[in-house]
């Protein structure tokens, strides 16, 4: 299968998808103390984890077949 340079770029170009500013807000509400009846509540802390992944391609397209076509 032979692809032109523009066909290869079209296949890997996200056309701006995913570009822009992002923000992340994490809120945890917890209650401690005594509730009515025999119910006691405690808050030993909360752990929130998150993961951000960023993929950036920096590529150069070079023909390995070009010498064959000359």
PDB file of N, CA and C in Angstrom:
ATOM      1  N   UNK A   1       0.845  -1.167   0.000  1.00  0.00           N
ATOM      2  CA  UNK A   1       0.000   0.000   0.000  1.00  0.00           C
ATOM      3  C   UNK A   1       0.896   1.238   0.000  1.00  0.00           C
ATOM      4  N   UNK A   2       0.730   2.097  -0.946  1.00  0.00           N
ATOM      5  CA  UNK A   2       1.509   3.327  -1.052  1.00  0.00           C
ATOM      6  C   UNK A   2       0.602   4.514  -0.765  1.00  0.00           C
ATOM      7  N   UNK A   3       1.038   5.375   0.129  1.00  0.00           N
ATOM      8  CA  UNK A   3       0.278   6.572   0.476  1.00  0.00           C
ATOM      9  C   UNK A   3       1.100   7.806   0.151  1.00  0.00           C
ATOM     10  N   UNK A   4       0.418   8.842  -0.265  1.00  0.00           N
ATOM     11  CA  UNK A   4       1.108  10.110  -0.492  1.00  0.00           C
ATOM     12  C   UNK A   4       1.359  10.780   0.856  1.00  0.00           C
ATOM     13  N   UNK A   5       2.227  11.780   0.843  1.00  0.00           N
ATOM     14  CA  UNK A   5       2.517  12.504   2.082  1.00  0.00           C
ATOM     15  C   UNK A   5       1.244  13.129   2.653  1.00  0.00           C
ATOM     16  N   UNK A   6       0.409  13.692   1.804  1.00  0.00           N
ATOM     17  CA  UNK A   6      -0.831  14.316   2.287  1.00  0.00           C
ATOM     18  C   UNK A   6      -1.793  13.277   2.867  1.00  0.00           C
ATOM     19  N   UNK A   7      -1.816  12.068   2.319  1.00  0.00           N
ATOM     20  CA  UNK A   7      -2.669  11.005   2.865  1.00  0.00           C
ATOM     21  C   UNK A   7      -2.169  10.560   4.240  1.00  0.00           C
ATOM     22  N   UNK A   8      -0.862  10.523   4.419  1.00  0.00           N
ATOM     23  CA  UNK A   8      -0.295  10.154   5.721  1.00  0.00           C
ATOM     24  C   UNK A   8      -0.629  11.230   6.750  1.00  0.00           C
ATOM     25  N   UNK A   9      -0.435  12.492   6.377  1.00  0.00           N
ATOM     26  CA  UNK A   9      -0.741  13.593   7.294  1.00  0.00           C
ATOM     27  C   UNK A   9      -2.219  13.578   7.662  1.00  0.00           C
ATOM     28  N   UNK A  10      -3.079  13.342   6.697  1.00  0.00           N
ATOM     29  CA  UNK A  10      -4.515  13.268   6.955  1.00  0.00           C
ATOM     30  C   UNK A  10      -4.846  12.156   7.951  1.00  0.00           C
ATOM     31  N   UNK A  11      -4.096  11.061   7.896  1.00  0.00           N
ATOM     32  CA  UNK A  11      -4.340   9.935   8.795  1.00  0.00           C
ATOM     33  C   UNK A  11      -3.909  10.176  10.229  1.00  0.00           C
ATOM     34  N   UNK A  12      -2.924  11.047  10.446  1.00  0.00           N
ATOM     35  CA  UNK A  12      -2.439  11.286  11.813  1.00  0.00           C
ATOM     36  C   UNK A  12      -2.843  12.650  12.360  1.00  0.00           C
ATOM     37  N   UNK A  13      -3.361  13.526  11.531  1.00  0.00           N
ATOM     38  CA  UNK A  13      -3.742  14.866  11.969  1.00  0.00           C
ATOM     39  C   UNK A  13      -5.097  14.823  12.663  1.00  0.00           C
ATOM     40  N   UNK A  14      -5.155  15.354  13.875  1.00  0.00           N
ATOM     41  CA  UNK A  14      -6.410  15.377  14.625  1.00  0.00           C
ATOM     42  C   UNK A  14      -7.265  16.584  14.254  1.00  0.00           C
ATOM     43  N   UNK A  15      -6.781  17.410  13.333  1.00  0.00           N
ATOM     44  CA  UNK A  15      -7.508  18.588  12.861  1.00  0.00           C
ATOM     45  C   UNK A  15      -7.962  19.476  14.019  1.00  0.00           C
ATOM     46  N   UNK A  16      -7.077  19.646  14.990  1.00  0.00           N
ATOM     47  CA  UNK A  16      -7.384  20.526  16.116  1.00  0.00           C
ATOM     48  C   UNK A  16      -8.167  19.876  17.233  1.00  0.00           C
ATOM     49  N   UNK A  17      -8.587  18.639  17.070  1.00  0.00           N
ATOM     50  CA  UNK A  17      -9.348  17.966  18.125  1.00  0.00           C
ATOM     51  C   UNK A  17      -8.489  17.828  19.369  1.00  0.00           C
ATOM     52  N   UNK A  18      -9.037  18.181  20.491  1.00  0.00           N
ATOM     53  CA  UNK A  18      -8.323  18.060  21.754  1.00  0.00           C
ATOM     54  C   UNK A  18      -7.492  19.275  22.112  1.00  0.00           C
ATOM     55  N   UNK A  19      -7.362  20.228  21.201  1.00  0.00           N
ATOM     56  CA  UNK A  19      -6.586  21.421  21.499  1.00  0.00           C
ATOM     57  C   UNK A  19      -7.432  22.403  22.294  1.00  0.00           C
ATOM     58  N   UNK A  20      -6.800  23.146  23.173  1.00  0.00           N
ATOM     59  CA  UNK A  20      -7.514  24.168  23.929  1.00  0.00           C
ATOM     60  C   UNK A  20      -7.197  24.085  25.406  1.00  0.00           C
ATOM     61  N   UNK A  21      -7.843  24.941  26.147  1.00  0.00           N
ATOM     62  CA  UNK A  21      -7.623  25.006  27.596  1.00  0.00           C
ATOM     63  C   UNK A  21      -8.545  24.016  28.302  1.00  0.00           C
ATOM     64  N   UNK A  22      -8.016  23.388  29.315  1.00  0.00           N
ATOM     65  CA  UNK A  22      -8.784  22.446  30.120  1.00  0.00           C
ATOM     66  C   UNK A  22      -8.674  22.853  31.580  1.00  0.00           C
ATOM     67  N   UNK A  23      -9.679  22.552  32.352  1.00  0.00           N
ATOM     68  CA  UNK A  23      -9.603  22.763  33.797  1.00  0.00           C
ATOM     69  C   UNK A  23     -10.258  21.579  34.486  1.00  0.00           C
ATOM     70  N   UNK A  24      -9.846  21.355  35.732  1.00  0.00           N
ATOM     71  CA  UNK A  24     -10.353  20.223  36.499  1.00  0.00           C
ATOM     72  C   UNK A  24     -10.627  20.703  37.910  1.00  0.00           C
ATOM     73  N   UNK A  25     -11.850  20.537  38.373  1.00  0.00           N
ATOM     74  CA  UNK A  25     -12.217  20.864  39.745  1.00  0.00           C
ATOM     75  C   UNK A  25     -12.658  19.585  40.428  1.00  0.00           C
ATOM     76  N   UNK A  26     -12.093  19.338  41.604  1.00  0.00           N
ATOM     77  CA  UNK A  26     -12.477  18.168  42.390  1.00  0.00           C
ATOM     78  C   UNK A  26     -12.932  18.665  43.753  1.00  0.00           C
ATOM     79  N   UNK A  27     -14.140  18.296  44.133  1.00  0.00           N
ATOM     80  CA  UNK A  27     -14.689  18.712  45.416  1.00  0.00           C
ATOM     81  C   UNK A  27     -15.129  17.477  46.182  1.00  0.00           C
ATOM     82  N   UNK A  28     -14.769  17.440  47.457  1.00  0.00           N
ATOM     83  CA  UNK A  28     -15.184  16.343  48.327  1.00  0.00           C
ATOM     84  C   UNK A  28     -15.849  16.957  49.545  1.00  0.00           C
ATOM     85  N   UNK A  29     -17.093  16.602  49.784  1.00  0.00           N
ATOM     86  CA  UNK A  29     -17.807  17.053  50.974  1.00  0.00           C
ATOM     87  C   UNK A  29     -17.932  15.873  51.923  1.00  0.00           C
ATOM     88  N   UNK A  30     -17.547  16.088  53.170  1.00  0.00           N
ATOM     89  CA  UNK A  30     -17.651  15.027  54.172  1.00  0.00           C
ATOM     90  C   UNK A  30     -18.165  15.643  55.464  1.00  0.00           C
ATOM     91  N   UNK A  31     -18.854  14.855  56.223  1.00  0.00           N
ATOM     92  CA  UNK A  31     -19.403  15.339  57.484  1.00  0.00           C
ATOM     93  C   UNK A  31     -18.823  14.536  58.628  1.00  0.00           C
ATOM     94  N   UNK A  32     -18.564  15.229  59.710  1.00  0.00           N
ATOM     95  CA  UNK A  32     -18.080  14.574  60.921  1.00  0.00           C
ATOM     96  C   UNK A  32     -18.949  15.050  62.076  1.00  0.00           C
ATOM     97  N   UNK A  33     -18.954  14.307  63.146  1.00  0.00           N
ATOM     98  CA  UNK A  33     -19.745  14.687  64.316  1.00  0.00           C
ATOM     99  C   UNK A  33     -20.760  13.614  64.638  1.00  0.00           C
ATOM    100  N   UNK A  34     -21.722  13.994  65.449  1.00  0.00           N
ATOM    101  CA  UNK A  34     -22.725  13.039  65.891  1.00  0.00           C
ATOM    102  C   UNK A  34     -24.052  13.354  65.222  1.00  0.00           C
ATOM    103  N   UNK A  35     -24.649  12.345  64.660  1.00  0.00           N
ATOM    104  CA  UNK A  35     -25.967  12.474  64.058  1.00  0.00           C
ATOM    105  C   UNK A  35     -27.000  12.036  65.088  1.00  0.00           C
ATOM    106  N   UNK A  36     -28.256  12.362  64.869  1.00  0.00           N
ATOM    107  CA  UNK A  36     -29.298  11.921  65.817  1.00  0.00           C
ATOM    108  C   UNK A  36     -29.278  10.401  66.011  1.00  0.00           C
ATOM    109  N   UNK A  37     -29.560   9.973  67.187  1.00  0.00           N
ATOM    110  CA  UNK A  37     -29.551   8.543  67.493  1.00  0.00           C
ATOM    111  C   UNK A  37     -28.148   8.088  67.835  1.00  0.00           C
ATOM    112  N   UNK A  38     -27.863   6.846  67.559  1.00  0.00           N
ATOM    113  CA  UNK A  38     -26.556   6.276  67.908  1.00  0.00           C
ATOM    114  C   UNK A  38     -25.568   6.361  66.749  1.00  0.00           C
ATOM    115  N   UNK A  39     -25.833   7.225  65.814  1.00  0.00           N
ATOM    116  CA  UNK A  39     -24.995   7.310  64.617  1.00  0.00           C
ATOM    117  C   UNK A  39     -23.896   8.352  64.823  1.00  0.00           C
ATOM    118  N   UNK A  40     -22.666   7.899  64.770  1.00  0.00           N
ATOM    119  CA  UNK A  40     -21.546   8.842  64.814  1.00  0.00           C
ATOM    120  C   UNK A  40     -20.842   8.812  63.470  1.00  0.00           C
ATOM    121  N   UNK A  41     -20.399   9.963  63.070  1.00  0.00           N
ATOM    122  CA  UNK A  41     -19.720  10.061  61.782  1.00  0.00           C
ATOM    123  C   UNK A  41     -18.303  10.557  62.016  1.00  0.00           C
ATOM    124  N   UNK A  42     -17.414  10.050  61.219  1.00  0.00           N
ATOM    125  CA  UNK A  42     -16.041  10.553  61.295  1.00  0.00           C
ATOM    126  C   UNK A  42     -15.517  10.732  59.878  1.00  0.00           C
ATOM    127  N   UNK A  43     -14.562  11.609  59.763  1.00  0.00           N
ATOM    128  CA  UNK A  43     -13.944  11.862  58.467  1.00  0.00           C
ATOM    129  C   UNK A  43     -12.447  11.727  58.656  1.00  0.00           C
ATOM    130  N   UNK A  44     -11.903  10.654  58.146  1.00  0.00           N
ATOM    131  CA  UNK A  44     -10.469  10.408  58.274  1.00  0.00           C
ATOM    132  C   UNK A  44      -9.693  10.950  57.084  1.00  0.00           C
ATOM    133  N   UNK A  45     -10.330  11.792  56.310  1.00  0.00           N
ATOM    134  CA  UNK A  45      -9.666  12.353  55.138  1.00  0.00           C
ATOM    135  C   UNK A  45     -10.160  11.672  53.882  1.00  0.00           C
ATOM    136  N   UNK A  46      -9.979  12.344  52.813  1.00  0.00           N
ATOM    137  CA  UNK A  46     -10.395  11.823  51.516  1.00  0.00           C
ATOM    138  C   UNK A  46      -9.192  11.815  50.593  1.00  0.00           C
ATOM    139  N   UNK A  47      -9.127  10.829  49.744  1.00  0.00           N
ATOM    140  CA  UNK A  47      -8.055  10.753  48.762  1.00  0.00           C
ATOM    141  C   UNK A  47      -8.677  10.814  47.376  1.00  0.00           C
ATOM    142  N   UNK A  48      -8.206  11.738  46.595  1.00  0.00           N
ATOM    143  CA  UNK A  48      -8.685  11.894  45.226  1.00  0.00           C
ATOM    144  C   UNK A  48      -7.483  11.773  44.316  1.00  0.00           C
ATOM    145  N   UNK A  49      -7.581  10.906  43.337  1.00  0.00           N
ATOM    146  CA  UNK A  49      -6.473  10.776  42.392  1.00  0.00           C
ATOM    147  C   UNK A  49      -6.999  11.015  40.985  1.00  0.00           C
ATOM    148  N   UNK A  50      -6.133  11.528  40.155  1.00  0.00           N
ATOM    149  CA  UNK A  50      -6.498  11.766  38.767  1.00  0.00           C
ATOM    150  C   UNK A  50      -5.268  11.601  37.902  1.00  0.00           C
ATOM    151  N   UNK A  51      -5.486  11.434  36.634  1.00  0.00           N
ATOM    152  CA  UNK A  51      -4.397  11.201  35.697  1.00  0.00           C
ATOM    153  C   UNK A  51      -4.641  12.056  34.457  1.00  0.00           C
ATOM    154  N   UNK A  52      -3.605  12.729  34.014  1.00  0.00           N
ATOM    155  CA  UNK A  52      -3.678  13.520  32.790  1.00  0.00           C
ATOM    156  C   UNK A  52      -2.646  12.966  31.821  1.00  0.00           C
ATOM    157  N   UNK A  53      -3.071  12.676  30.618  1.00  0.00           N
ATOM    158  CA  UNK A  53      -2.156  12.176  29.597  1.00  0.00           C
ATOM    159  C   UNK A  53      -2.151  13.144  28.424  1.00  0.00           C
ATOM    160  N   UNK A  54      -0.975  13.414  27.932  1.00  0.00           N
ATOM    161  CA  UNK A  54      -0.814  14.305  26.795  1.00  0.00           C
ATOM    162  C   UNK A  54       0.088  13.616  25.786  1.00  0.00           C
ATOM    163  N   UNK A  55      -0.366  13.563  24.568  1.00  0.00           N
ATOM    164  CA  UNK A  55       0.429  12.947  23.509  1.00  0.00           C
ATOM    165  C   UNK A  55       0.677  14.005  22.439  1.00  0.00           C
ATOM    166  N   UNK A  56       1.929  14.215  22.120  1.00  0.00           N
ATOM    167  CA  UNK A  56       2.310  15.178  21.089  1.00  0.00           C
ATOM    168  C   UNK A  56       3.179  14.453  20.072  1.00  0.00           C
ATOM    169  N   UNK A  57       2.807  14.571  18.821  1.00  0.00           N
ATOM    170  CA  UNK A  57       3.592  13.969  17.750  1.00  0.00           C
ATOM    171  C   UNK A  57       4.430  15.046  17.075  1.00  0.00           C
ATOM    172  N   UNK A  58       5.692  14.786  16.933  1.00  0.00           N
ATOM    173  CA  UNK A  58       6.585  15.620  16.131  1.00  0.00           C
ATOM    174  C   UNK A  58       7.201  14.663  15.121  1.00  0.00           C
ATOM    175  N   UNK A  59       6.784  14.745  13.893  1.00  0.00           N
ATOM    176  CA  UNK A  59       7.199  13.735  12.928  1.00  0.00           C
ATOM    177  C   UNK A  59       7.698  14.358  11.635  1.00  0.00           C
ATOM    178  N   UNK A  60       8.498  13.593  10.950  1.00  0.00           N
ATOM    179  CA  UNK A  60       8.984  13.940   9.621  1.00  0.00           C
ATOM    180  C   UNK A  60       8.644  12.779   8.704  1.00  0.00           C
ATOM    181  N   UNK A  61       8.058  13.070   7.582  1.00  0.00           N
ATOM    182  CA  UNK A  61       7.682  12.022   6.631  1.00  0.00           C
ATOM    183  C   UNK A  61       8.756  11.955   5.555  1.00  0.00           C
ATOM    184  N   UNK A  62       9.345  10.790   5.425  1.00  0.00           N
ATOM    185  CA  UNK A  62      10.413  10.574   4.453  1.00  0.00           C
ATOM    186  C   UNK A  62      10.080   9.341   3.626  1.00  0.00           C
ATOM    187  N   UNK A  63      10.242   9.445   2.343  1.00  0.00           N
ATOM    188  CA  UNK A  63       9.978   8.307   1.467  1.00  0.00           C
ATOM    189  C   UNK A  63      11.179   7.368   1.466  1.00  0.00           C
ATOM    190  N   UNK A  64      10.919   6.117   1.731  1.00  0.00           N
ATOM    191  CA  UNK A  64      11.989   5.117   1.631  1.00  0.00           C
ATOM    192  C   UNK A  64      12.017   4.518   0.229  1.00  0.00           C
ATOM    193  N   UNK A  65      10.993   4.803  -0.561  1.00  0.00           N
ATOM    194  CA  UNK A  65      10.912   4.261  -1.914  1.00  0.00           C
ATOM    195  C   UNK A  65      11.346   5.263  -2.974  1.00  0.00           C
ATOM    196  N   UNK A  66      11.562   6.515  -2.593  1.00  0.00           N
ATOM    197  CA  UNK A  66      11.899   7.549  -3.564  1.00  0.00           C
ATOM    198  C   UNK A  66      13.070   7.174  -4.467  1.00  0.00           C
ATOM    199  N   UNK A  67      14.157   6.600  -3.949  1.00  0.00           N
ATOM    200  CA  UNK A  67      15.251   6.206  -4.855  1.00  0.00           C
ATOM    201  C   UNK A  67      14.823   5.175  -5.908  1.00  0.00           C
ATOM    202  N   UNK A  68      13.803   4.374  -5.604  1.00  0.00           N
ATOM    203  CA  UNK A  68      13.342   3.367  -6.558  1.00  0.00           C
ATOM    204  C   UNK A  68      12.601   3.991  -7.732  1.00  0.00           C
ATOM    205  N   UNK A  69      11.999   5.159  -7.503  1.00  0.00           N
ATOM    206  CA  UNK A  69      11.208   5.797  -8.545  1.00  0.00           C
ATOM    207  C   UNK A  69      12.018   6.769  -9.392  1.00  0.00           C
ATOM    208  N   UNK A  70      13.269   7.001  -9.072  1.00  0.00           N
ATOM    209  CA  UNK A  70      14.099   7.940  -9.841  1.00  0.00           C
ATOM    210  C   UNK A  70      14.732   7.261 -11.026  1.00  0.00           C
TER     211      UNK A  70
END
